Amino acid sequence: MKQTLAKLSGKPLAFAPYPEFTAADVPQTVPCQPAIFNRDHLSRVTQCGFSKPLQELIEVLEAREYVERPLSTCDLGPATVVGGIIFTPDNRILHSSFLHPGLRDITATPPEVSERTVLINSMQGIRYFGHWLSDDVAAHEAFRGDSDLRALPLPGWSDARIYSRLFEQDWQGHMVIRSKALTLVRDLGFSLDKARRYRALRQRMRDNLGQPDERGKVVFLKRGPSGDPREIVNAAELETQLSAAGVMIVTAEGESEHFLRSMLDASVIITIEGSQDRHAIYALQDGGGMLTIAPPDRFYIASHEWARNLDMHSGIVIGTVAEGGFTVDPNEILSMVDQLLARVENPVQH
């Protein structure tokens, strides 16, 4: 897209720094539950996701309180959005390098200028399904009923359409947007208000999806074909032992309504760290448990942050480096399932 616009303008595009956002609320300190994990297994970690220091992630896992990061907004005034670039009277702002409008989009008759527009896509949510499902969808809920809400085109995520319907949200994409007053929205952190919106979305999904196939089950959510690879070398052995222990094996994606209903109101969901683990935000029963399998070369704990935001329980099992990926000990997984079930069945107030 940048190259196309550069050709049309006859010169390289320069971008202003990404603008500052203003929080909608004053951050509060919120009590939370720590994660369950084996400190001795931290020696298996070879690299953390997004170059985070290991000690910083450990502190998040062990914390009994956190400081909110409320939804925030940025008012840009008059602006035109063309794909991932925002043009204001004074600047060009790169909102996303992953949207590529064609020449037809750029040269077509421009849409009418709206008096006010709230652009709901975050920079991260345009690129990553997990950020869309856990952050942009929650931000959309904050502006529920706002007729000035607009979205950019999403990638071809197979589950996005079904979630949009279940949440009763309009994600129709507009490649070009013109407005006299453009507001950007970002909701990448966690807050009590975000938890309230998550709960509203969870209930609306249940209202529209219908009854689950079975309540209280333990589910292993395998990564679907569109997810980035997280290679479990002994996957067949792991699935065999989990299935023998009564764990339901479910593959992300596929026929979406059946997939969601099959894990709805599970007591514990086991999944590999990554975008697809965000399905559990909405599928787990109230007070359920999330078990995250962490690749040793991409140790990250985002699933714990949203689990604690919803007063759910979380456990982490770290894999062991092996040729071609990593291995997971089925006995460690089953032991963690037992620990999570004990907390789910006997919740402790914090």
Protein backbone atom coordinates (compact mmCIF):
# COMPACT_ATOMS: atom_id res chain seq x y z
CA MET A 1 0.00 0.00 0.00
CA LYS A 2 2.79 2.43 0.91
CA GLN A 3 4.44 1.75 -2.45
CA THR A 4 1.18 2.39 -4.34
CA LEU A 5 0.57 5.69 -2.57
CA ALA A 6 4.19 6.70 -3.01
CA LYS A 7 3.89 6.15 -6.76
CA LEU A 8 0.74 8.26 -6.90
CA SER A 9 2.31 11.09 -4.92
CA GLY A 10 5.66 10.86 -6.67
CA LYS A 11 7.68 10.75 -3.43
CA PRO A 12 8.33 8.39 -0.51
CA LEU A 13 5.85 8.53 2.33
CA ALA A 14 7.00 9.76 5.72
CA PHE A 15 4.94 9.05 8.82
CA ALA A 16 4.41 10.99 12.01
CA PRO A 17 4.89 9.19 15.34
CA TYR A 18 1.86 7.18 16.43
CA PRO A 19 -0.35 9.49 18.51
CA GLU A 20 -0.80 9.44 22.27
CA PHE A 21 -4.01 7.96 23.72
CA THR A 22 -5.97 9.12 26.77
CA ALA A 23 -7.39 6.62 29.26
CA ALA A 24 -11.15 6.69 29.72
CA ASP A 25 -10.91 6.03 33.48
CA VAL A 26 -8.44 6.44 36.34
CA PRO A 27 -6.59 3.10 36.80
CA GLN A 28 -7.44 1.16 39.93
CA THR A 29 -5.52 -1.60 41.70
CA VAL A 30 -7.44 -4.87 41.37
CA PRO A 31 -6.94 -8.07 43.44
CA CYS A 32 -6.40 -11.24 41.40
CA GLN A 33 -5.46 -14.89 41.58
CA PRO A 34 -1.90 -16.03 40.80
CA ALA A 35 -1.27 -18.73 38.21
CA ILE A 36 -0.36 -22.32 39.04
CA PHE A 37 3.03 -23.36 37.63
CA ASN A 38 6.16 -25.27 38.59
CA ARG A 39 9.05 -22.90 39.22
CA ASP A 40 11.55 -25.72 38.65
CA HIS A 41 10.35 -25.96 35.05
CA LEU A 42 11.29 -22.35 34.27
CA SER A 43 14.77 -23.64 33.39
CA ARG A 44 13.17 -25.11 30.25
CA VAL A 45 12.47 -21.63 28.87
CA THR A 46 14.89 -20.69 26.09
CA GLN A 47 13.17 -17.51 24.88
CA CYS A 48 10.20 -15.35 25.87
CA GLY A 49 7.62 -13.99 23.47
CA PHE A 50 8.02 -10.40 22.26
CA SER A 51 11.49 -10.27 23.92
CA LYS A 52 9.94 -9.90 27.37
CA PRO A 53 12.31 -10.53 30.32
CA LEU A 54 11.51 -13.85 32.01
CA GLN A 55 11.48 -12.29 35.48
CA GLU A 56 8.85 -9.77 34.39
CA LEU A 57 6.56 -12.59 33.22
CA ILE A 58 7.13 -14.54 36.44
CA GLU A 59 6.06 -11.49 38.46
CA VAL A 60 2.81 -11.32 36.47
CA LEU A 61 2.15 -15.02 37.10
CA GLU A 62 2.72 -14.65 40.84
CA ALA A 63 0.96 -11.30 41.35
CA ARG A 64 -2.05 -11.06 43.66
CA GLU A 65 -3.06 -7.67 42.30
CA TYR A 66 -2.61 -5.66 39.14
CA VAL A 67 -3.05 -2.05 38.03
CA GLU A 68 -5.75 -1.53 35.42
CA ARG A 69 -5.02 -0.36 31.88
CA PRO A 70 -8.40 1.11 30.91
CA LEU A 71 -9.73 1.57 27.40
CA SER A 72 -8.17 4.66 25.81
CA THR A 73 -8.99 6.91 22.87
CA CYS A 74 -7.30 9.43 20.62
CA ASP A 75 -9.18 12.26 18.88
CA LEU A 76 -7.49 13.14 15.60
CA GLY A 77 -9.96 15.69 14.27
CA PRO A 78 -10.51 15.81 10.48
CA ALA A 79 -8.98 12.74 8.82
CA THR A 80 -9.15 10.36 5.89
CA VAL A 81 -8.34 6.69 6.32
CA VAL A 82 -7.03 4.77 3.31
CA GLY A 83 -6.39 1.19 4.32
CA GLY A 84 -3.87 1.30 7.13
CA ILE A 85 -2.82 4.93 6.62
CA ILE A 86 -4.54 7.86 8.30
CA PHE A 87 -4.20 11.27 6.65
CA THR A 88 -4.80 14.38 8.77
CA PRO A 89 -4.31 17.99 7.62
CA ASP A 90 -0.81 17.95 9.14
CA ASN A 91 0.39 14.34 9.20
CA ARG A 92 0.33 10.84 7.80
CA ILE A 93 -0.04 8.14 10.48
CA LEU A 94 0.67 4.47 9.85
CA HIS A 95 -2.11 2.57 11.60
CA SER A 96 -1.39 -0.80 9.96
CA SER A 97 1.07 -2.10 7.38
CA PHE A 98 -1.12 -5.18 6.85
CA LEU A 99 -3.95 -3.53 4.91
CA HIS A 100 -3.30 -3.21 1.19
CA PRO A 101 -5.94 -1.27 -0.75
CA GLY A 102 -5.78 -1.57 -4.51
CA LEU A 103 -5.62 1.24 -7.01
CA ARG A 104 -9.40 0.97 -7.42
CA ASP A 105 -9.90 1.67 -3.71
CA ILE A 106 -7.71 4.75 -3.88
CA THR A 107 -9.08 6.25 -7.10
CA ALA A 108 -12.77 5.39 -6.60
CA THR A 109 -15.30 8.11 -5.87
CA PRO A 110 -14.59 8.95 -2.22
CA PRO A 111 -17.26 8.24 0.40
CA GLU A 112 -19.16 11.09 1.99
CA VAL A 113 -17.51 12.91 4.86
CA SER A 114 -19.11 11.89 8.15
CA GLU A 115 -19.49 14.33 11.03
CA ARG A 116 -17.95 11.87 13.49
CA THR A 117 -16.29 8.45 13.21
CA VAL A 118 -15.05 6.00 15.84
CA LEU A 119 -12.52 3.63 14.24
CA ILE A 120 -12.67 0.48 16.34
CA ASN A 121 -9.70 -1.52 14.98
CA SER A 122 -6.48 -1.45 16.97
CA MET A 123 -3.15 -1.74 15.19
CA GLN A 124 -2.67 -5.17 16.79
CA GLY A 125 -6.23 -6.35 16.14
CA ILE A 126 -5.87 -5.84 12.39
CA ARG A 127 -2.95 -8.27 12.33
CA TYR A 128 -3.64 -10.85 15.06
CA PHE A 129 -6.87 -12.81 15.48
CA GLY A 130 -6.24 -13.08 19.23
CA HIS A 131 -6.07 -9.31 19.66
CA TRP A 132 -9.20 -8.87 17.57
CA LEU A 133 -11.15 -11.45 19.59
CA SER A 134 -9.93 -10.38 23.02
CA ASP A 135 -9.36 -6.62 22.56
CA ASP A 136 -11.11 -5.11 19.54
CA VAL A 137 -14.31 -7.06 20.14
CA ALA A 138 -14.31 -5.84 23.75
CA ALA A 139 -13.71 -2.26 22.58
CA HIS A 140 -16.63 -2.61 20.14
CA GLU A 141 -18.83 -3.56 23.09
CA ALA A 142 -17.85 -0.32 24.86
CA PHE A 143 -19.40 1.62 21.96
CA ARG A 144 -22.44 -0.63 21.57
CA GLY A 145 -25.27 1.25 19.87
CA ASP A 146 -23.01 4.02 18.56
CA SER A 147 -24.07 4.67 14.96
CA ASP A 148 -20.72 6.31 14.14
CA LEU A 149 -18.70 3.14 14.76
CA ARG A 150 -16.68 1.97 11.73
CA ALA A 151 -14.22 -0.84 11.04
CA LEU A 152 -11.47 -1.53 8.55
CA PRO A 153 -11.48 -4.82 6.58
CA LEU A 154 -10.42 -7.85 8.62
CA PRO A 155 -8.23 -10.68 7.34
CA GLY A 156 -10.05 -13.82 6.22
CA TRP A 157 -10.32 -15.36 9.67
CA SER A 158 -12.85 -18.17 9.44
CA ASP A 159 -14.21 -17.59 12.96
CA ALA A 160 -14.63 -13.81 12.76
CA ARG A 161 -17.99 -13.93 10.99
CA ILE A 162 -19.57 -16.33 13.47
CA TYR A 163 -18.35 -14.33 16.48
CA SER A 164 -19.63 -11.11 14.91
CA ARG A 165 -23.07 -12.70 14.60
CA LEU A 166 -23.07 -14.21 18.08
CA PHE A 167 -21.95 -10.92 19.65
CA GLU A 168 -24.37 -8.93 17.44
CA GLN A 169 -21.55 -6.66 16.27
CA ASP A 170 -21.11 -5.00 12.87
CA TRP A 171 -17.61 -5.63 11.48
CA GLN A 172 -18.32 -4.62 7.89
CA GLY A 173 -15.01 -3.35 6.56
CA HIS A 174 -14.47 0.06 4.94
CA MET A 175 -11.19 0.51 3.09
CA VAL A 176 -11.65 4.30 2.78
CA ILE A 177 -13.18 6.45 5.53
CA ARG A 178 -13.53 10.25 5.62
CA SER A 179 -14.53 12.10 8.75
CA LYS A 180 -14.62 15.58 10.25
CA ALA A 181 -13.78 14.07 13.66
CA LEU A 182 -11.96 10.72 13.77
CA THR A 183 -11.45 8.88 17.07
CA LEU A 184 -9.11 5.90 17.46
CA VAL A 185 -9.76 3.30 20.18
CA ARG A 186 -7.33 1.02 21.99
CA ASP A 187 -8.26 -1.56 24.63
CA LEU A 188 -5.19 -3.80 24.91
CA GLY A 189 -4.99 -3.86 28.69
CA PHE A 190 -7.28 -5.17 31.43
CA SER A 191 -9.75 -3.47 33.72
CA LEU A 192 -12.89 -4.14 35.71
CA ASP A 193 -14.90 -2.45 32.96
CA LYS A 194 -13.37 -4.73 30.35
CA ALA A 195 -14.29 -7.72 32.50
CA ARG A 196 -17.87 -6.42 32.63
CA ARG A 197 -17.91 -6.21 28.83
CA TYR A 198 -16.43 -9.71 28.51
CA ARG A 199 -19.26 -11.04 30.68
CA ALA A 200 -21.86 -9.29 28.54
CA LEU A 201 -20.34 -10.85 25.41
CA ARG A 202 -20.18 -14.27 27.06
CA GLN A 203 -23.86 -14.11 27.92
CA ARG A 204 -24.87 -12.85 24.48
CA MET A 205 -22.94 -15.70 22.85
CA ARG A 206 -24.82 -18.22 25.00
CA ASP A 207 -28.15 -16.57 24.21
CA ASN A 208 -27.48 -16.85 20.47
CA LEU A 209 -25.59 -20.14 20.36
CA GLY A 210 -27.93 -22.30 22.39
CA GLN A 211 -27.21 -25.06 24.87
CA PRO A 212 -23.74 -26.65 25.07
CA ASP A 213 -23.26 -30.28 24.06
CA GLU A 214 -22.10 -31.03 27.61
CA ARG A 215 -21.28 -28.90 30.65
CA GLY A 216 -18.32 -29.29 32.99
CA LYS A 217 -16.10 -31.27 30.63
CA VAL A 218 -12.33 -30.91 30.18
CA VAL A 219 -11.35 -29.92 26.61
CA PHE A 220 -8.03 -29.93 24.77
CA LEU A 221 -8.22 -27.24 22.10
CA LYS A 222 -5.83 -28.14 19.29
CA ARG A 223 -4.49 -25.36 17.10
CA GLY A 224 -6.27 -24.97 13.77
CA PRO A 225 -4.57 -24.91 10.37
CA SER A 226 -4.43 -21.12 10.13
CA GLY A 227 -2.57 -20.65 13.40
CA ASP A 228 1.18 -20.16 13.52
CA PRO A 229 2.85 -23.53 14.10
CA ARG A 230 3.60 -24.60 17.67
CA GLU A 231 5.02 -28.05 17.00
CA ILE A 232 4.39 -30.60 19.77
CA VAL A 233 6.63 -33.45 18.68
CA ASN A 234 4.78 -36.03 20.80
CA ALA A 235 1.29 -34.70 19.94
CA ALA A 236 -0.09 -38.17 19.15
CA GLU A 237 1.04 -39.55 22.52
CA LEU A 238 -0.34 -36.50 24.34
CA GLU A 239 -3.75 -36.71 22.66
CA THR A 240 -3.97 -40.46 23.26
CA GLN A 241 -3.34 -40.11 26.99
CA LEU A 242 -5.63 -37.11 27.36
CA SER A 243 -8.42 -38.88 25.52
CA ALA A 244 -7.95 -42.00 27.68
CA ALA A 245 -8.33 -39.77 30.75
CA GLY A 246 -11.68 -38.48 29.46
CA VAL A 247 -10.49 -35.19 27.92
CA MET A 248 -12.41 -34.11 24.81
CA ILE A 249 -10.15 -33.27 21.85
CA VAL A 250 -11.40 -30.29 19.78
CA THR A 251 -9.71 -28.64 16.80
CA ALA A 252 -9.97 -24.86 16.49
CA GLU A 253 -11.74 -23.55 13.38
CA GLY A 254 -13.72 -25.83 11.09
CA GLU A 255 -17.51 -25.63 11.38
CA SER A 256 -17.59 -22.74 13.81
CA GLU A 257 -20.90 -23.14 15.65
CA HIS A 258 -20.28 -26.84 16.30
CA PHE A 259 -16.72 -26.06 17.38
CA LEU A 260 -17.85 -23.40 19.87
CA ARG A 261 -20.76 -25.42 21.22
CA SER A 262 -18.52 -28.46 21.75
CA MET A 263 -16.40 -26.63 24.31
CA LEU A 264 -19.03 -24.28 25.73
CA ASP A 265 -19.15 -24.23 29.55
CA ALA A 266 -16.14 -26.54 29.88
CA SER A 267 -14.68 -26.59 33.39
CA VAL A 268 -11.09 -26.61 32.08
CA ILE A 269 -9.76 -25.84 28.60
CA ILE A 270 -6.24 -26.92 27.65
CA THR A 271 -4.63 -25.06 24.78
CA ILE A 272 -1.29 -24.09 23.29
CA GLU A 273 -0.21 -20.47 23.80
CA GLY A 274 -1.26 -18.27 20.90
CA SER A 275 -4.20 -16.41 19.37
CA GLN A 276 -6.52 -19.40 19.34
CA ASP A 277 -6.45 -19.74 23.12
CA ARG A 278 -8.67 -16.63 23.23
CA HIS A 279 -11.67 -18.82 22.37
CA ALA A 280 -11.62 -19.88 26.01
CA ILE A 281 -12.41 -16.33 27.18
CA TYR A 282 -15.93 -16.92 25.98
CA ALA A 283 -16.29 -20.71 26.17
CA LEU A 284 -15.19 -21.51 29.74
CA GLN A 285 -17.80 -21.77 32.43
CA ASP A 286 -17.88 -19.02 35.05
CA GLY A 287 -14.93 -19.57 37.37
CA GLY A 288 -13.42 -22.16 35.02
CA GLY A 289 -9.77 -23.01 34.52
CA MET A 290 -7.40 -22.35 31.62
CA LEU A 291 -4.37 -24.59 31.13
CA THR A 292 -1.81 -23.10 28.75
CA ILE A 293 0.90 -25.23 27.16
CA ALA A 294 3.85 -22.86 26.76
CA PRO A 295 6.42 -23.53 24.02
CA PRO A 296 9.86 -23.18 25.66
CA ASP A 297 11.10 -20.95 22.83
CA ARG A 298 8.08 -18.61 23.03
CA PHE A 299 7.18 -18.41 26.70
CA TYR A 300 4.34 -15.93 27.17
CA ILE A 301 1.49 -15.53 29.65
CA ALA A 302 -1.24 -13.44 27.99
CA SER A 303 -3.83 -16.15 28.71
CA HIS A 304 -3.21 -15.74 32.44
CA GLU A 305 -3.85 -11.99 32.28
CA TRP A 306 -7.32 -12.32 30.79
CA ALA A 307 -8.15 -15.35 32.96
CA ARG A 308 -7.41 -13.41 36.13
CA ASN A 309 -9.36 -10.44 34.72
CA LEU A 310 -12.46 -12.69 34.68
CA ASP A 311 -11.76 -14.32 38.07
CA MET A 312 -10.93 -17.57 36.31
CA HIS A 313 -8.09 -19.94 37.22
CA SER A 314 -5.00 -20.45 35.09
CA GLY A 315 -2.18 -22.96 34.99
CA ILE A 316 0.97 -23.08 32.86
CA VAL A 317 2.85 -26.20 31.73
CA ILE A 318 6.14 -25.53 29.95
CA GLY A 319 7.27 -27.85 27.17
CA THR A 320 10.76 -29.24 26.71
CA VAL A 321 12.88 -28.43 23.66
CA ALA A 322 13.14 -31.34 21.21
CA GLU A 323 14.23 -31.78 17.61
CA GLY A 324 11.54 -30.31 15.37
CA GLY A 325 9.76 -28.43 18.17
CA PHE A 326 9.07 -29.42 21.78
CA THR A 327 7.59 -32.23 23.83
CA VAL A 328 4.90 -32.10 26.51
CA ASP A 329 4.66 -34.56 29.38
CA PRO A 330 1.04 -35.87 29.45
CA ASN A 331 1.35 -36.60 33.18
CA GLU A 332 2.24 -32.96 33.88
CA ILE A 333 -0.83 -31.87 31.92
CA LEU A 334 -3.13 -34.25 33.77
CA SER A 335 -1.67 -33.22 37.13
CA MET A 336 -2.31 -29.56 36.28
CA VAL A 337 -5.87 -30.42 35.20
CA ASP A 338 -6.42 -31.96 38.64
CA GLN A 339 -5.08 -28.84 40.38
CA LEU A 340 -7.28 -26.57 38.30
CA LEU A 341 -10.36 -28.73 38.85
CA ALA A 342 -9.76 -28.56 42.59
CA ARG A 343 -9.85 -24.76 42.40
CA VAL A 344 -12.84 -24.70 40.06
CA GLU A 345 -14.83 -26.97 42.35
CA ASN A 346 -13.66 -25.28 45.58
CA PRO A 347 -13.18 -21.58 44.77
CA VAL A 348 -11.34 -19.40 47.28
CA GLN A 349 -12.42 -15.79 47.60
CA HIS A 350 -9.62 -13.24 47.23
